[in-house]
């Protein structure tokens, strides 16, 4: 699947910050290693939430911890780890992170001889503490329906959340997600500014019988007062993204 590597790089400026703004999101291909480096396209902003979603390509290997160059603490979302044919997906996060983060390291449980596909999002205006809204959810060794739909896990939230689901699918990849409020990317989908409720993404465009896995988590928004203070003290940084479909 890596042979189908396609790169798209875009930069947008002049964006007004609002609740749950994505400052940057990208996917990197990690070389075979037991510690995989990820360089951010630009330094992170102080107070952001960093959401790291590694995916070792070798079966039987998982990520034991995530670190960055500023000493932030990354926690794994409980209940979100998923497997497809022995290959793992996990979600880690750092809340109210230090600014100027430029590098992450994914520490593998063993040497990942086939490398890894690792996704990161930096999200502004999430809660500065206790940001995770409950446990995550997952689907392991899922099978696409007869019409090619890959139905993700169901997750119930209790707050106004940023909801994200990291997935891994066999070729051909899905091409869209429903319901329409979700945003589709080639390794993940997300839902911004969601009200408390139950959410379940459904990927479309794959092949009947394809194997897939999906890991899902929800993160609470900051209070309106905190969002207003952040908007007054933060200039618009633009968004950087680098996508590598696989």
C-alpha atoms as a PDB file:
ATOM      1  CA  UNK A   1       0.000   0.000   0.000  1.00  0.00           C
ATOM      2  CA  UNK A   2       2.926   2.343   0.602  1.00  0.00           C
ATOM      3  CA  UNK A   3       3.648   2.088  -3.122  1.00  0.00           C
ATOM      4  CA  UNK A   4       0.489   4.137  -3.603  1.00  0.00           C
ATOM      5  CA  UNK A   5       2.073   7.015  -1.713  1.00  0.00           C
ATOM      6  CA  UNK A   6       0.690  10.381  -2.752  1.00  0.00           C
ATOM      7  CA  UNK A   7       1.753  13.659  -1.219  1.00  0.00           C
ATOM      8  CA  UNK A   8      -0.348  16.784  -0.906  1.00  0.00           C
ATOM      9  CA  UNK A   9       1.029  19.820   0.915  1.00  0.00           C
ATOM     10  CA  UNK A  10      -0.996  22.953   1.489  1.00  0.00           C
ATOM     11  CA  UNK A  11      -0.695  26.099   3.588  1.00  0.00           C
ATOM     12  CA  UNK A  12      -3.539  28.524   4.263  1.00  0.00           C
ATOM     13  CA  UNK A  13      -3.243  31.854   6.072  1.00  0.00           C
ATOM     14  CA  UNK A  14      -5.515  34.514   7.505  1.00  0.00           C
ATOM     15  CA  UNK A  15      -7.872  32.103   9.244  1.00  0.00           C
ATOM     16  CA  UNK A  16      -9.987  33.376  12.158  1.00  0.00           C
ATOM     17  CA  UNK A  17      -9.636  31.180  15.220  1.00  0.00           C
ATOM     18  CA  UNK A  18     -12.831  29.684  16.608  1.00  0.00           C
ATOM     19  CA  UNK A  19     -13.693  26.807  18.891  1.00  0.00           C
ATOM     20  CA  UNK A  20     -11.820  23.589  18.127  1.00  0.00           C
ATOM     21  CA  UNK A  21      -9.615  25.090  15.431  1.00  0.00           C
ATOM     22  CA  UNK A  22      -7.241  22.629  13.783  1.00  0.00           C
ATOM     23  CA  UNK A  23      -3.883  24.418  13.658  1.00  0.00           C
ATOM     24  CA  UNK A  24      -2.129  21.619  11.780  1.00  0.00           C
ATOM     25  CA  UNK A  25      -2.758  18.033  10.776  1.00  0.00           C
ATOM     26  CA  UNK A  26      -0.577  15.675   8.819  1.00  0.00           C
ATOM     27  CA  UNK A  27       0.474  12.093   8.276  1.00  0.00           C
ATOM     28  CA  UNK A  28       4.058  10.852   8.162  1.00  0.00           C
ATOM     29  CA  UNK A  29       5.577   7.565   7.064  1.00  0.00           C
ATOM     30  CA  UNK A  30       7.938   6.257   9.748  1.00  0.00           C
ATOM     31  CA  UNK A  31      11.044   4.316   8.714  1.00  0.00           C
ATOM     32  CA  UNK A  32      11.740   0.861  10.194  1.00  0.00           C
ATOM     33  CA  UNK A  33      12.874   1.534  13.772  1.00  0.00           C
ATOM     34  CA  UNK A  34      12.072   0.933  17.418  1.00  0.00           C
ATOM     35  CA  UNK A  35      11.794   4.696  18.032  1.00  0.00           C
ATOM     36  CA  UNK A  36      10.147   6.623  15.200  1.00  0.00           C
ATOM     37  CA  UNK A  37      10.630  10.382  14.819  1.00  0.00           C
ATOM     38  CA  UNK A  38       7.944  12.754  13.559  1.00  0.00           C
ATOM     39  CA  UNK A  39       8.918  16.345  12.697  1.00  0.00           C
ATOM     40  CA  UNK A  40       6.046  18.836  12.831  1.00  0.00           C
ATOM     41  CA  UNK A  41       5.596  21.128   9.797  1.00  0.00           C
ATOM     42  CA  UNK A  42       5.617  24.115  12.178  1.00  0.00           C
ATOM     43  CA  UNK A  43       6.073  24.634  15.941  1.00  0.00           C
ATOM     44  CA  UNK A  44       2.972  24.071  18.042  1.00  0.00           C
ATOM     45  CA  UNK A  45       1.239  26.849  19.981  1.00  0.00           C
ATOM     46  CA  UNK A  46       1.180  26.903  23.768  1.00  0.00           C
ATOM     47  CA  UNK A  47      -2.029  25.487  25.215  1.00  0.00           C
ATOM     48  CA  UNK A  48      -2.977  23.341  22.230  1.00  0.00           C
ATOM     49  CA  UNK A  49      -4.023  19.723  22.474  1.00  0.00           C
ATOM     50  CA  UNK A  50      -1.824  17.380  20.449  1.00  0.00           C
ATOM     51  CA  UNK A  51      -3.529  14.195  19.263  1.00  0.00           C
ATOM     52  CA  UNK A  52      -1.084  11.533  18.048  1.00  0.00           C
ATOM     53  CA  UNK A  53      -2.390   8.404  16.335  1.00  0.00           C
ATOM     54  CA  UNK A  54       0.360   5.918  15.451  1.00  0.00           C
ATOM     55  CA  UNK A  55      -0.076   2.848  13.281  1.00  0.00           C
ATOM     56  CA  UNK A  56       2.803   0.351  13.100  1.00  0.00           C
ATOM     57  CA  UNK A  57       2.557  -1.638   9.891  1.00  0.00           C
ATOM     58  CA  UNK A  58       4.149  -4.773  11.385  1.00  0.00           C
ATOM     59  CA  UNK A  59       1.795  -7.171  13.158  1.00  0.00           C
ATOM     60  CA  UNK A  60       2.262  -7.687  16.890  1.00  0.00           C
ATOM     61  CA  UNK A  61       3.845  -4.273  17.520  1.00  0.00           C
ATOM     62  CA  UNK A  62       2.272  -1.387  19.384  1.00  0.00           C
ATOM     63  CA  UNK A  63       3.418   2.006  20.638  1.00  0.00           C
ATOM     64  CA  UNK A  64       4.317   1.963  24.335  1.00  0.00           C
ATOM     65  CA  UNK A  65       4.712   5.747  24.750  1.00  0.00           C
ATOM     66  CA  UNK A  66       4.854   9.080  22.914  1.00  0.00           C
ATOM     67  CA  UNK A  67       7.249  11.897  23.847  1.00  0.00           C
ATOM     68  CA  UNK A  68       8.092  15.327  22.442  1.00  0.00           C
ATOM     69  CA  UNK A  69      10.993  17.771  22.548  1.00  0.00           C
ATOM     70  CA  UNK A  70       9.321  19.947  25.225  1.00  0.00           C
ATOM     71  CA  UNK A  71       8.769  17.291  27.880  1.00  0.00           C
ATOM     72  CA  UNK A  72       4.987  17.096  27.537  1.00  0.00           C
ATOM     73  CA  UNK A  73       3.079  14.130  28.939  1.00  0.00           C
ATOM     74  CA  UNK A  74       1.127  12.071  26.419  1.00  0.00           C
ATOM     75  CA  UNK A  75      -1.607   9.745  27.659  1.00  0.00           C
ATOM     76  CA  UNK A  76      -3.167   6.881  25.755  1.00  0.00           C
ATOM     77  CA  UNK A  77      -6.942   6.967  25.317  1.00  0.00           C
ATOM     78  CA  UNK A  78      -8.272   3.924  27.207  1.00  0.00           C
ATOM     79  CA  UNK A  79     -10.529   1.633  25.231  1.00  0.00           C
ATOM     80  CA  UNK A  80      -9.462   3.028  21.852  1.00  0.00           C
ATOM     81  CA  UNK A  81      -6.727   0.591  20.782  1.00  0.00           C
ATOM     82  CA  UNK A  82      -7.796  -1.489  17.780  1.00  0.00           C
ATOM     83  CA  UNK A  83      -6.328  -4.265  15.656  1.00  0.00           C
ATOM     84  CA  UNK A  84      -6.638  -5.412  12.060  1.00  0.00           C
ATOM     85  CA  UNK A  85      -4.820  -8.645  11.241  1.00  0.00           C
ATOM     86  CA  UNK A  86      -2.555  -8.025  14.229  1.00  0.00           C
ATOM     87  CA  UNK A  87      -1.627  -4.443  13.246  1.00  0.00           C
ATOM     88  CA  UNK A  88      -2.460  -1.886  15.904  1.00  0.00           C
ATOM     89  CA  UNK A  89      -3.961   1.604  15.952  1.00  0.00           C
ATOM     90  CA  UNK A  90      -3.822   3.768  19.090  1.00  0.00           C
ATOM     91  CA  UNK A  91      -4.698   7.315  20.137  1.00  0.00           C
ATOM     92  CA  UNK A  92      -2.459   9.383  22.428  1.00  0.00           C
ATOM     93  CA  UNK A  93      -3.004  12.971  23.526  1.00  0.00           C
ATOM     94  CA  UNK A  94      -1.290  15.823  25.351  1.00  0.00           C
ATOM     95  CA  UNK A  95      -3.571  18.449  26.916  1.00  0.00           C
ATOM     96  CA  UNK A  96      -2.564  22.087  27.410  1.00  0.00           C
ATOM     97  CA  UNK A  97       0.804  21.324  25.782  1.00  0.00           C
ATOM     98  CA  UNK A  98       3.923  23.448  25.936  1.00  0.00           C
ATOM     99  CA  UNK A  99       4.529  25.715  22.971  1.00  0.00           C
ATOM    100  CA  UNK A 100       7.232  25.241  20.342  1.00  0.00           C
ATOM    101  CA  UNK A 101       6.862  21.473  20.035  1.00  0.00           C
ATOM    102  CA  UNK A 102       8.693  20.548  16.840  1.00  0.00           C
ATOM    103  CA  UNK A 103       9.278  16.792  17.170  1.00  0.00           C
ATOM    104  CA  UNK A 104       7.480  13.722  18.480  1.00  0.00           C
ATOM    105  CA  UNK A 105       8.918  10.276  19.111  1.00  0.00           C
ATOM    106  CA  UNK A 106       6.895   7.072  18.971  1.00  0.00           C
ATOM    107  CA  UNK A 107       8.449   4.375  21.154  1.00  0.00           C
ATOM    108  CA  UNK A 108       7.607   0.937  19.744  1.00  0.00           C
ATOM    109  CA  UNK A 109       7.272  -2.295  21.708  1.00  0.00           C
ATOM    110  CA  UNK A 110       9.760  -3.893  19.278  1.00  0.00           C
ATOM    111  CA  UNK A 111      11.580  -3.067  16.064  1.00  0.00           C
ATOM    112  CA  UNK A 112       8.930  -2.103  13.491  1.00  0.00           C
ATOM    113  CA  UNK A 113      10.535  -3.642  10.422  1.00  0.00           C
ATOM    114  CA  UNK A 114       7.767  -2.500   8.072  1.00  0.00           C
ATOM    115  CA  UNK A 115       7.709   1.061   9.377  1.00  0.00           C
ATOM    116  CA  UNK A 116       4.591   2.903  10.512  1.00  0.00           C
ATOM    117  CA  UNK A 117       1.950   5.380   9.368  1.00  0.00           C
ATOM    118  CA  UNK A 118       1.533   8.065  12.012  1.00  0.00           C
ATOM    119  CA  UNK A 119      -1.058  10.860  12.175  1.00  0.00           C
ATOM    120  CA  UNK A 120      -0.984  14.047  14.260  1.00  0.00           C
ATOM    121  CA  UNK A 121      -3.446  16.889  14.837  1.00  0.00           C
ATOM    122  CA  UNK A 122      -2.892  20.067  16.818  1.00  0.00           C
ATOM    123  CA  UNK A 123      -6.247  21.416  18.020  1.00  0.00           C
ATOM    124  CA  UNK A 124      -6.838  24.778  19.714  1.00  0.00           C
ATOM    125  CA  UNK A 125      -9.596  25.713  22.185  1.00  0.00           C
ATOM    126  CA  UNK A 126      -9.989  22.350  23.853  1.00  0.00           C
ATOM    127  CA  UNK A 127     -10.254  22.006  27.638  1.00  0.00           C
ATOM    128  CA  UNK A 128      -6.912  22.755  29.359  1.00  0.00           C
ATOM    129  CA  UNK A 129      -7.355  19.862  31.811  1.00  0.00           C
ATOM    130  CA  UNK A 130      -9.389  16.651  31.905  1.00  0.00           C
ATOM    131  CA  UNK A 131      -9.876  17.107  28.173  1.00  0.00           C
ATOM    132  CA  UNK A 132     -10.763  13.487  27.399  1.00  0.00           C
ATOM    133  CA  UNK A 133     -14.519  12.861  27.442  1.00  0.00           C
ATOM    134  CA  UNK A 134     -14.696   9.345  28.900  1.00  0.00           C
ATOM    135  CA  UNK A 135     -13.136   6.262  27.348  1.00  0.00           C
ATOM    136  CA  UNK A 136     -12.588   5.659  23.654  1.00  0.00           C
ATOM    137  CA  UNK A 137     -14.181   3.049  21.411  1.00  0.00           C
ATOM    138  CA  UNK A 138     -12.854   0.692  18.761  1.00  0.00           C
ATOM    139  CA  UNK A 139     -13.575  -1.841  16.059  1.00  0.00           C
ATOM    140  CA  UNK A 140     -11.007  -4.608  15.568  1.00  0.00           C
ATOM    141  CA  UNK A 141     -10.875  -6.860  12.499  1.00  0.00           C
ATOM    142  CA  UNK A 142     -13.989  -5.265  11.084  1.00  0.00           C
ATOM    143  CA  UNK A 143     -15.386  -6.404   7.749  1.00  0.00           C
ATOM    144  CA  UNK A 144     -16.904  -4.072   5.153  1.00  0.00           C
ATOM    145  CA  UNK A 145     -20.527  -4.747   4.331  1.00  0.00           C
ATOM    146  CA  UNK A 146     -21.727  -6.142   1.007  1.00  0.00           C
ATOM    147  CA  UNK A 147     -22.059  -2.582  -0.324  1.00  0.00           C
ATOM    148  CA  UNK A 148     -18.583  -1.557   0.828  1.00  0.00           C
ATOM    149  CA  UNK A 149     -19.434   0.337   4.012  1.00  0.00           C
ATOM    150  CA  UNK A 150     -17.013   0.213   6.950  1.00  0.00           C
ATOM    151  CA  UNK A 151     -19.086   0.907  10.065  1.00  0.00           C
ATOM    152  CA  UNK A 152     -17.095   2.380  12.931  1.00  0.00           C
ATOM    153  CA  UNK A 153     -17.629   2.098  16.671  1.00  0.00           C
ATOM    154  CA  UNK A 154     -20.364   3.952  18.526  1.00  0.00           C
ATOM    155  CA  UNK A 155     -19.242   6.559  21.073  1.00  0.00           C
ATOM    156  CA  UNK A 156     -21.475   8.532  23.457  1.00  0.00           C
ATOM    157  CA  UNK A 157     -20.252  11.969  24.545  1.00  0.00           C
ATOM    158  CA  UNK A 158     -21.287  14.159  27.471  1.00  0.00           C
ATOM    159  CA  UNK A 159     -19.996  17.582  26.382  1.00  0.00           C
ATOM    160  CA  UNK A 160     -19.405  19.783  23.337  1.00  0.00           C
ATOM    161  CA  UNK A 161     -16.614  17.714  21.847  1.00  0.00           C
ATOM    162  CA  UNK A 162     -14.061  17.285  19.119  1.00  0.00           C
ATOM    163  CA  UNK A 163     -14.566  13.656  18.049  1.00  0.00           C
ATOM    164  CA  UNK A 164     -11.943  11.811  16.037  1.00  0.00           C
ATOM    165  CA  UNK A 165     -11.606   8.321  14.585  1.00  0.00           C
ATOM    166  CA  UNK A 166      -8.362   6.875  13.206  1.00  0.00           C
ATOM    167  CA  UNK A 167      -8.858   4.013  10.769  1.00  0.00           C
ATOM    168  CA  UNK A 168      -6.870   1.539   8.709  1.00  0.00           C
ATOM    169  CA  UNK A 169      -8.449  -0.075   5.661  1.00  0.00           C
ATOM    170  CA  UNK A 170      -7.410  -2.540   3.017  1.00  0.00           C
ATOM    171  CA  UNK A 171      -7.155  -1.323  -0.580  1.00  0.00           C
ATOM    172  CA  UNK A 172      -9.190   0.176  -2.171  1.00  0.00           C
ATOM    173  CA  UNK A 173      -9.488   2.852   0.497  1.00  0.00           C
ATOM    174  CA  UNK A 174     -12.803   4.424   1.471  1.00  0.00           C
ATOM    175  CA  UNK A 175     -13.525   7.733  -0.241  1.00  0.00           C
ATOM    176  CA  UNK A 176     -16.013   9.439   2.077  1.00  0.00           C
ATOM    177  CA  UNK A 177     -17.676   9.376   5.481  1.00  0.00           C
ATOM    178  CA  UNK A 178     -21.211   9.825   6.744  1.00  0.00           C
ATOM    179  CA  UNK A 179     -23.140  11.450   8.381  1.00  0.00           C
ATOM    180  CA  UNK A 180     -22.337  14.627   6.471  1.00  0.00           C
ATOM    181  CA  UNK A 181     -21.089  16.560   9.519  1.00  0.00           C
ATOM    182  CA  UNK A 182     -17.955  14.399   9.621  1.00  0.00           C
ATOM    183  CA  UNK A 183     -14.791  15.482   7.770  1.00  0.00           C
ATOM    184  CA  UNK A 184     -12.982  12.780   5.761  1.00  0.00           C
ATOM    185  CA  UNK A 185      -9.200  12.370   5.543  1.00  0.00           C
ATOM    186  CA  UNK A 186      -7.164   9.452   4.247  1.00  0.00           C
ATOM    187  CA  UNK A 187      -6.235   8.040   7.675  1.00  0.00           C
ATOM    188  CA  UNK A 188      -8.839   9.638   9.956  1.00  0.00           C
ATOM    189  CA  UNK A 189     -12.200  11.357  10.178  1.00  0.00           C
ATOM    190  CA  UNK A 190     -13.354  13.970  12.670  1.00  0.00           C
ATOM    191  CA  UNK A 191     -16.355  15.908  13.911  1.00  0.00           C
ATOM    192  CA  UNK A 192     -16.032  19.457  15.253  1.00  0.00           C
ATOM    193  CA  UNK A 193     -18.223  21.275  17.781  1.00  0.00           C
ATOM    194  CA  UNK A 194     -20.490  18.305  18.366  1.00  0.00           C
ATOM    195  CA  UNK A 195     -23.268  18.441  20.959  1.00  0.00           C
ATOM    196  CA  UNK A 196     -23.552  15.713  23.605  1.00  0.00           C
ATOM    197  CA  UNK A 197     -24.858  12.567  21.940  1.00  0.00           C
ATOM    198  CA  UNK A 198     -23.955   9.260  20.322  1.00  0.00           C
ATOM    199  CA  UNK A 199     -21.771   9.213  17.223  1.00  0.00           C
ATOM    200  CA  UNK A 200     -20.801   6.481  14.766  1.00  0.00           C
ATOM    201  CA  UNK A 201     -18.851   7.238  11.554  1.00  0.00           C
ATOM    202  CA  UNK A 202     -19.474   5.109   8.464  1.00  0.00           C
ATOM    203  CA  UNK A 203     -16.866   5.007   5.716  1.00  0.00           C
ATOM    204  CA  UNK A 204     -17.951   4.488   2.121  1.00  0.00           C
ATOM    205  CA  UNK A 205     -16.240   3.633  -1.149  1.00  0.00           C
ATOM    206  CA  UNK A 206     -14.255   0.590  -0.085  1.00  0.00           C
ATOM    207  CA  UNK A 207     -14.729  -2.999  -1.199  1.00  0.00           C
ATOM    208  CA  UNK A 208     -17.151  -5.540   0.167  1.00  0.00           C
ATOM    209  CA  UNK A 209     -15.436  -7.874   2.612  1.00  0.00           C
ATOM    210  CA  UNK A 210     -12.406  -5.613   3.153  1.00  0.00           C
ATOM    211  CA  UNK A 211     -10.803  -5.813   6.591  1.00  0.00           C
ATOM    212  CA  UNK A 212     -10.487  -2.621   8.616  1.00  0.00           C
ATOM    213  CA  UNK A 213      -9.969  -1.302  12.127  1.00  0.00           C
ATOM    214  CA  UNK A 214     -10.956   1.975  13.766  1.00  0.00           C
ATOM    215  CA  UNK A 215     -10.008   3.772  16.994  1.00  0.00           C
ATOM    216  CA  UNK A 216     -12.212   6.603  18.299  1.00  0.00           C
ATOM    217  CA  UNK A 217     -12.038   9.271  21.025  1.00  0.00           C
ATOM    218  CA  UNK A 218     -13.744  12.523  22.080  1.00  0.00           C
ATOM    219  CA  UNK A 219     -12.149  15.663  23.541  1.00  0.00           C
ATOM    220  CA  UNK A 220     -14.026  18.409  25.402  1.00  0.00           C
ATOM    221  CA  UNK A 221     -14.070  22.026  24.248  1.00  0.00           C
ATOM    222  CA  UNK A 222     -12.735  24.812  26.464  1.00  0.00           C
ATOM    223  CA  UNK A 223     -15.220  27.077  28.223  1.00  0.00           C
ATOM    224  CA  UNK A 224     -16.523  30.068  26.210  1.00  0.00           C
ATOM    225  CA  UNK A 225     -14.531  32.459  28.442  1.00  0.00           C
ATOM    226  CA  UNK A 226     -11.312  30.555  27.784  1.00  0.00           C
ATOM    227  CA  UNK A 227     -11.983  30.514  24.046  1.00  0.00           C
ATOM    228  CA  UNK A 228     -12.556  34.284  24.013  1.00  0.00           C
ATOM    229  CA  UNK A 229      -9.331  34.923  25.923  1.00  0.00           C
ATOM    230  CA  UNK A 230      -7.408  32.703  23.533  1.00  0.00           C
ATOM    231  CA  UNK A 231      -8.856  34.459  20.479  1.00  0.00           C
ATOM    232  CA  UNK A 232      -7.812  37.877  21.840  1.00  0.00           C
ATOM    233  CA  UNK A 233      -4.260  36.778  22.540  1.00  0.00           C
ATOM    234  CA  UNK A 234      -3.546  34.602  19.512  1.00  0.00           C
ATOM    235  CA  UNK A 235      -2.793  35.639  15.937  1.00  0.00           C
ATOM    236  CA  UNK A 236      -4.006  33.529  13.049  1.00  0.00           C
ATOM    237  CA  UNK A 237      -1.264  30.968  12.318  1.00  0.00           C
ATOM    238  CA  UNK A 238      -2.793  29.255   9.305  1.00  0.00           C
ATOM    239  CA  UNK A 239      -3.035  25.507   8.881  1.00  0.00           C
ATOM    240  CA  UNK A 240      -0.424  23.132   7.523  1.00  0.00           C
ATOM    241  CA  UNK A 241      -1.160  19.643   6.351  1.00  0.00           C
ATOM    242  CA  UNK A 242       0.699  16.859   4.657  1.00  0.00           C
ATOM    243  CA  UNK A 243      -1.351  13.838   3.582  1.00  0.00           C
ATOM    244  CA  UNK A 244      -0.009  10.456   2.557  1.00  0.00           C
ATOM    245  CA  UNK A 245      -2.831   8.138   1.418  1.00  0.00           C
ATOM    246  CA  UNK A 246      -1.937   4.485   1.929  1.00  0.00           C
END
